[in-house]
Protein backbone atom coordinates (compact mmCIF):
# COMPACT_ATOMS: atom_id res chain seq x y z
CA UNK A 1 -13.52 -12.50 -6.99
CA UNK A 2 -11.59 -10.51 -8.33
CA UNK A 3 -9.67 -7.88 -6.48
CA UNK A 4 -10.76 -4.63 -6.25
CA UNK A 5 -8.76 -1.73 -7.19
CA UNK A 6 -7.04 1.39 -5.64
CA UNK A 7 -4.62 4.00 -5.99
CA UNK A 8 -1.89 4.88 -3.55
CA UNK A 9 -2.85 8.74 -3.13
CA UNK A 10 0.67 9.77 -2.45
CA UNK A 11 0.96 9.11 -6.60
CA UNK A 12 -0.57 12.10 -6.87
CA UNK A 13 0.15 14.59 -4.32
CA UNK A 14 0.90 17.24 -6.84
CA UNK A 15 -2.84 16.90 -7.97
CA UNK A 16 -4.31 16.20 -4.25
CA UNK A 17 -2.17 19.31 -2.87
CA UNK A 18 -3.87 21.54 -5.20
CA UNK A 19 -7.83 20.44 -4.97
CA UNK A 20 -7.76 16.75 -2.71
CA UNK A 21 -11.71 16.20 -3.66
CA UNK A 22 -11.31 17.24 -7.34
CA UNK A 23 -8.05 15.04 -7.29
CA UNK A 24 -10.43 12.44 -5.86
CA UNK A 25 -13.68 13.12 -8.27
CA UNK A 26 -10.83 12.43 -11.34
CA UNK A 27 -9.31 8.83 -9.56
CA UNK A 28 -13.15 7.64 -9.85
CA UNK A 29 -13.19 8.80 -13.04
CA UNK A 30 -10.33 7.34 -14.10
CA UNK A 31 -12.29 3.76 -12.90
CA UNK A 32 -10.48 3.20 -9.91
CA UNK A 33 -12.41 1.91 -7.73
CA UNK A 34 -10.76 3.12 -4.31
CA UNK A 35 -7.70 4.97 -2.82
CA UNK A 36 -5.20 4.54 -0.26
CA UNK A 37 -4.92 7.56 1.75
CA UNK A 38 -1.12 8.92 2.79
CA UNK A 39 -2.70 12.05 4.28
CA UNK A 40 -6.30 13.38 4.23
CA UNK A 41 -6.72 16.72 2.46
CA UNK A 42 -7.03 18.54 5.69
CA UNK A 43 -10.50 17.23 6.63
CA UNK A 44 -12.44 15.69 9.06
CA UNK A 45 -13.45 12.54 9.09
CA UNK A 46 -16.93 12.91 8.27
CA UNK A 47 -16.89 15.29 5.87
CA UNK A 48 -14.04 13.15 3.92
CA UNK A 49 -16.91 9.95 4.21
CA UNK A 50 -19.31 12.68 3.17
CA UNK A 51 -17.00 13.28 -0.12
CA UNK A 52 -16.33 9.51 -0.38
CA UNK A 53 -19.63 8.34 -0.53
CA UNK A 54 -21.11 10.84 -2.97
CA UNK A 55 -18.24 10.02 -5.16
CA UNK A 56 -18.22 6.84 -4.70
CA UNK A 57 -15.36 5.81 -3.79
CA UNK A 58 -14.22 2.93 -1.19
CA UNK A 59 -11.03 3.50 0.92
CA UNK A 60 -8.35 0.22 0.50
CA UNK A 61 -6.46 1.49 3.77
CA UNK A 62 -4.66 4.00 5.43
CA UNK A 63 -0.82 4.51 5.46
CA UNK A 64 0.35 5.93 8.99
CA UNK A 65 2.88 6.60 9.86
CA UNK A 66 4.97 5.54 13.29
CA UNK A 67 5.63 8.32 14.87
CA UNK A 68 1.52 8.69 14.03
CA UNK A 69 0.66 5.40 15.27
CA UNK A 70 3.18 6.22 18.76
CA UNK A 71 2.25 9.05 19.43
CA UNK A 72 -2.00 9.18 18.53
CA UNK A 73 -3.04 5.76 17.97
CA UNK A 74 -6.98 6.07 19.70
CA UNK A 75 -6.87 9.46 17.02
CA UNK A 76 -5.59 7.29 14.11
CA UNK A 77 -8.69 4.46 15.00
CA UNK A 78 -11.12 6.90 15.22
CA UNK A 79 -10.63 8.93 12.40
CA UNK A 80 -9.99 5.31 10.04
CA UNK A 81 -12.90 3.68 12.22
CA UNK A 82 -15.21 6.82 10.92
CA UNK A 83 -14.42 7.21 7.38
CA UNK A 84 -15.12 3.21 6.68
CA UNK A 85 -11.32 1.98 6.39
CA UNK A 86 -10.33 -1.03 7.52
CA UNK A 87 -6.55 -1.88 6.54
CA UNK A 88 -4.24 0.89 8.56
CA UNK A 89 -0.74 0.00 7.42
CA UNK A 90 2.88 2.18 8.21
CA UNK A 91 4.62 2.40 5.91
CA UNK A 92 8.23 1.83 7.02
CA UNK A 93 10.07 2.47 9.99
CA UNK A 94 13.95 2.33 11.21
CA UNK A 95 14.42 -1.24 10.77
CA UNK A 96 18.48 -1.75 10.19
CA UNK A 97 19.23 -3.78 12.80
CA UNK A 98 17.39 -6.64 14.41
CA UNK A 99 17.01 -5.99 17.73
CA UNK A 100 15.39 -2.91 16.10
CA UNK A 101 12.94 -4.90 13.83
CA UNK A 102 11.96 -7.05 16.87
CA UNK A 103 11.54 -3.68 18.93
CA UNK A 104 9.30 -2.93 16.40
CA UNK A 105 7.21 -6.26 16.44
CA UNK A 106 6.88 -5.96 19.83
CA UNK A 107 4.84 -2.22 19.41
CA UNK A 108 3.09 -4.20 16.28
CA UNK A 109 1.78 -6.87 18.62
CA UNK A 110 0.19 -3.79 21.24
CA UNK A 111 -1.00 -1.37 18.15
CA UNK A 112 -2.73 -4.42 15.97
CA UNK A 113 -4.64 -5.53 19.95
CA UNK A 114 -6.32 -2.16 19.64
CA UNK A 115 -6.85 -2.05 15.72
CA UNK A 116 -8.71 -5.34 16.03
CA UNK A 117 -10.43 -4.49 19.24
CA UNK A 118 -12.07 -1.88 16.72
CA UNK A 119 -13.02 -4.21 13.85
CA UNK A 120 -9.99 -3.23 11.97
CA UNK A 121 -6.68 -4.37 10.82
CA UNK A 122 -3.04 -3.86 10.97
CA UNK A 123 -0.56 -4.44 8.16
CA UNK A 124 2.69 -3.57 7.10
CA UNK A 125 4.34 -1.96 3.65
CA UNK A 126 7.94 -2.73 2.52
CA UNK A 127 10.52 -1.14 0.35
CA UNK A 128 13.67 -3.00 -0.76
CA UNK A 129 15.17 -2.46 3.07
CA UNK A 130 12.54 -5.12 4.73
CA UNK A 131 14.24 -8.08 2.72
CA UNK A 132 17.63 -7.66 4.77
CA UNK A 133 17.87 -10.38 6.39
CA UNK A 134 18.96 -10.71 10.21
CA UNK A 135 19.22 -14.22 11.57
CA UNK A 136 18.21 -15.58 8.88
CA UNK A 137 14.98 -13.66 8.32
CA UNK A 138 13.88 -10.92 6.04
CA UNK A 139 13.45 -8.05 8.70
CA UNK A 140 9.68 -7.53 6.99
CA UNK A 141 8.65 -11.39 8.43
CA UNK A 142 10.53 -10.42 11.78
CA UNK A 143 8.28 -7.08 12.34
CA UNK A 144 5.07 -9.24 11.11
CA UNK A 145 5.39 -12.09 13.24
CA UNK A 146 3.73 -13.73 16.57
CA UNK A 147 0.57 -12.89 15.22
CA UNK A 148 -1.27 -14.25 11.55
CA UNK A 149 -3.53 -11.08 11.89
CA UNK A 150 -0.95 -8.94 10.98
CA UNK A 151 -0.96 -8.30 7.37
CA UNK A 152 1.41 -7.76 4.58
CA UNK A 153 1.36 -5.03 1.69
CA UNK A 154 3.62 -6.75 0.13
CA UNK A 155 5.14 -3.71 -2.93
CA UNK A 156 5.67 -5.84 -5.68
CA UNK A 157 7.94 -3.29 -7.49
CA UNK A 158 10.27 -3.04 -4.26
CA UNK A 159 10.92 -6.38 -4.09
CA UNK A 160 11.43 -6.61 -7.46
CA UNK A 161 14.11 -3.75 -7.26
CA UNK A 162 15.78 -6.13 -3.78
CA UNK A 163 15.56 -9.05 -5.99
CA UNK A 164 13.25 -11.22 -3.93
CA UNK A 165 11.63 -13.86 -6.22
CA UNK A 166 8.46 -12.28 -5.55
CA UNK A 167 6.65 -15.47 -7.07
CA UNK A 168 7.53 -17.19 -4.26
CA UNK A 169 7.04 -14.70 -1.53
CA UNK A 170 3.47 -14.05 -2.78
CA UNK A 171 3.24 -17.91 -2.47
CA UNK A 172 5.01 -18.01 0.98
CA UNK A 173 2.32 -14.99 2.34
CA UNK A 174 -0.62 -16.41 1.47
CA UNK A 175 -4.38 -15.06 3.01
CA UNK A 176 -1.32 -13.21 5.13
CA UNK A 177 -1.68 -10.48 1.55
CA UNK A 178 -5.16 -9.09 0.81
CA UNK A 179 -3.28 -5.65 -0.27
CA UNK A 180 -0.91 -6.14 -3.18
CA UNK A 181 0.69 -2.41 -4.53
CA UNK A 182 2.04 -2.39 -8.26
CA UNK A 183 3.55 -0.73 -9.47
CA UNK A 184 6.30 -1.36 -12.49
CA UNK A 185 9.99 -0.52 -13.19
CA UNK A 186 12.15 1.03 -15.49
CA UNK A 187 15.86 1.11 -16.13
CA UNK A 188 17.66 4.69 -15.99
CA UNK A 189 20.16 6.47 -18.77
CA UNK A 190 21.80 5.78 -15.56
CA UNK A 191 21.67 2.63 -15.51
CA UNK A 192 19.63 3.40 -12.04
CA UNK A 193 16.00 1.82 -11.66
CA UNK A 194 13.04 4.03 -11.30
CA UNK A 195 8.70 3.40 -11.78
CA UNK A 196 6.55 4.08 -14.28
CA UNK A 197 2.99 4.03 -15.56
CA UNK A 198 1.61 -0.18 -14.88
CA UNK A 199 2.17 -2.16 -17.92
CA UNK A 200 5.40 0.08 -19.51
CA UNK A 201 8.30 -1.09 -17.55
CA UNK A 202 10.51 -4.60 -17.38
CA UNK A 203 8.00 -6.29 -14.71
CA UNK A 204 6.48 -9.55 -15.84
CA UNK A 205 3.47 -8.39 -14.75
CA UNK A 206 1.08 -11.33 -15.76
CA UNK A 207 3.12 -13.54 -13.94
CA UNK A 208 3.29 -11.31 -10.78
CA UNK A 209 -0.16 -10.34 -11.07
CA UNK A 210 -1.39 -14.45 -11.36
CA UNK A 211 0.75 -15.05 -8.37
CA UNK A 212 -1.20 -12.87 -6.27
CA UNK A 213 -4.77 -13.60 -7.62
CA UNK A 214 -4.37 -17.12 -5.60
CA UNK A 215 -4.00 -15.63 -2.04
CA UNK A 216 -7.43 -14.27 -3.46
CA UNK A 217 -6.33 -10.23 -2.72
CA UNK A 218 -9.32 -7.53 -2.12
CA UNK A 219 -7.06 -4.98 -3.80
CA UNK A 220 -4.73 -4.39 -6.25
CA UNK A 221 -3.49 -1.33 -5.56
CA UNK A 222 -1.68 1.57 -7.67
CA UNK A 223 1.25 3.29 -7.29
CA UNK A 224 3.78 5.66 -9.19
CA UNK A 225 6.98 7.50 -7.43
CA UNK A 226 8.34 8.97 -10.01
CA UNK A 227 8.02 12.47 -11.51
CA UNK A 228 8.45 12.68 -15.30
CA UNK A 229 5.37 13.02 -15.99
CA UNK A 230 1.83 14.55 -14.99
CA UNK A 231 0.62 12.18 -11.80
CA UNK A 232 -2.77 12.10 -12.83
CA UNK A 233 -2.29 11.30 -16.66
CA UNK A 234 0.33 8.04 -15.19
CA UNK A 235 -2.10 6.59 -12.81
CA UNK A 236 -4.20 6.63 -15.62
CA UNK A 237 -2.21 4.48 -18.12
CA UNK A 238 -2.01 2.88 -15.13
CA UNK A 239 -5.07 1.83 -14.42
CA UNK A 240 -6.04 1.25 -18.05
CA UNK A 241 -3.06 -0.92 -18.22
CA UNK A 242 -4.10 -3.16 -15.14
CA UNK A 243 -7.34 -3.75 -16.28
CA UNK A 244 -6.07 -5.83 -19.15
CA UNK A 245 -4.86 -7.86 -16.38
CA UNK A 246 -7.05 -9.02 -13.99
């Protein structure tokens, strides 16, 4: 089965700040199957679930900060269970030493146990710093070691940014990567890298998609992090280009 297509709502934060539900409707009209949350627009769980059902959007996951996991894990679990979410994803943490990574791994194992007990899955989303090596292992792999039920949400932009062989890493992750973050890369005039609408940049998206599909992922998740064009237009272009590849 082909992966379903989702949008990380951080991509359209300017739009959701003005009209959260209206933005969800626009995302559905563009052809997305689901959304990944990074905040819930101030809506209660039952209200949000009703809107999602009305619009016809599924939930591919929720990005939940390490602070929220530490401060209110029960509340995080209850809310996400109520909206029909399967994947609770930590989107980053302080991981600049091996000791911090190992300590976080112990935390993650505990969060995973509680989340799994409620029928959901815990995972972690990378940026570039997760590919720093400690003792011959990526920080990413230390964080998610010890229990194969914890999943990777591999952000392929950031793995490419870090100089990782993304295709080989996807092959290594296999079924532990049910969610794949997709965005494209451009080189700015000053030589720095930035994201751009999917399918308009320099990454070998066809090869990345082919490698990712070998793992039979559930979701391809579009993200756009730049600020140089209208956010809704950027994610519309992105999903149209992604559909041509999947």
